[in-house]
Amino acid sequence: MPRIALYTLVVCVLAVAAAVVSFVQGSWLGIVWVLLAGLSSNMTWYYVKRGRMDAARDTSVTS
C-alpha cells in the first residue's frame, strides 16, 4: 500500500471519530467531518488502486 494511501486512511478514521464526537456533543459541525471522511475514503481507494496498477505494470515490464 502506498504511503499516501495510508495517510488518507488515517485522515478518514480521524474524521469519522471527530464526526462521532461532534454529533454526541450535539454539534452539527459533524456534517463537515462526515464529508471529509467521504473525501479521504475516496482518495484512499484511488491511491490503493493506482498503487496496484503501478505494481502490475512494473511486474509485466520486468517479466
Protein backbone atom coordinates (compact mmCIF):
# COMPACT_ATOMS: atom_id res chain seq x y z
CA MET A 1 0.00 0.00 0.00
CA PRO A 2 1.46 3.38 -0.97
CA ARG A 3 2.33 5.72 1.85
CA ILE A 4 -0.14 8.39 0.71
CA ALA A 5 -2.94 5.80 0.87
CA LEU A 6 -2.04 5.13 4.49
CA TYR A 7 -2.10 8.85 5.27
CA THR A 8 -5.53 9.30 3.69
CA LEU A 9 -6.78 6.24 5.58
CA VAL A 10 -5.62 7.78 8.86
CA VAL A 11 -7.36 11.05 7.95
CA CYS A 12 -10.53 9.12 7.19
CA VAL A 13 -10.51 7.30 10.53
CA LEU A 14 -9.81 10.51 12.44
CA ALA A 15 -12.58 12.35 10.57
CA VAL A 16 -15.07 9.61 11.44
CA ALA A 17 -14.03 9.81 15.10
CA ALA A 18 -14.38 13.60 15.04
CA ALA A 19 -17.83 13.29 13.45
CA VAL A 20 -18.98 10.89 16.16
CA VAL A 21 -17.71 13.18 18.90
CA SER A 22 -19.35 16.21 17.28
CA PHE A 23 -22.72 14.51 16.95
CA VAL A 24 -22.56 13.15 20.50
CA GLN A 25 -21.94 16.69 21.75
CA GLY A 26 -24.94 17.89 19.74
CA SER A 27 -22.98 19.91 17.20
CA TRP A 28 -23.97 19.98 13.55
CA LEU A 29 -20.31 20.54 12.67
CA GLY A 30 -20.15 16.75 12.41
CA ILE A 31 -21.57 17.06 8.90
CA VAL A 32 -18.30 18.66 7.77
CA TRP A 33 -16.36 15.78 9.31
CA VAL A 34 -18.56 13.24 7.52
CA LEU A 35 -17.88 14.98 4.21
CA LEU A 36 -14.15 14.99 4.92
CA ALA A 37 -14.31 11.29 5.77
CA GLY A 38 -16.02 10.57 2.46
CA LEU A 39 -13.44 12.54 0.51
CA SER A 40 -10.48 10.91 2.23
CA SER A 41 -12.06 7.47 1.79
CA ASN A 42 -12.31 8.05 -1.96
CA MET A 43 -8.72 9.26 -2.04
CA THR A 44 -7.60 6.13 -0.18
CA TRP A 45 -9.27 3.83 -2.72
CA TYR A 46 -7.85 5.84 -5.60
CA TYR A 47 -4.28 5.60 -4.33
CA VAL A 48 -4.63 1.89 -3.48
CA LYS A 49 -5.89 1.13 -6.98
CA ARG A 50 -3.20 3.29 -8.52
CA GLY A 51 -0.54 1.51 -6.48
CA ARG A 52 -1.82 -1.88 -7.61
CA MET A 53 -1.84 -0.79 -11.24
CA ASP A 54 1.70 0.55 -10.95
CA ALA A 55 2.86 -2.69 -9.34
CA ALA A 56 1.21 -4.79 -12.03
CA ARG A 57 2.70 -2.63 -14.75
CA ASP A 58 6.17 -2.91 -13.22
CA THR A 59 5.80 -6.68 -12.94
CA SER A 60 4.70 -7.05 -16.57
CA VAL A 61 7.58 -4.87 -17.82
CA THR A 62 10.24 -6.87 -15.96
CA SER A 63 8.77 -10.27 -16.95
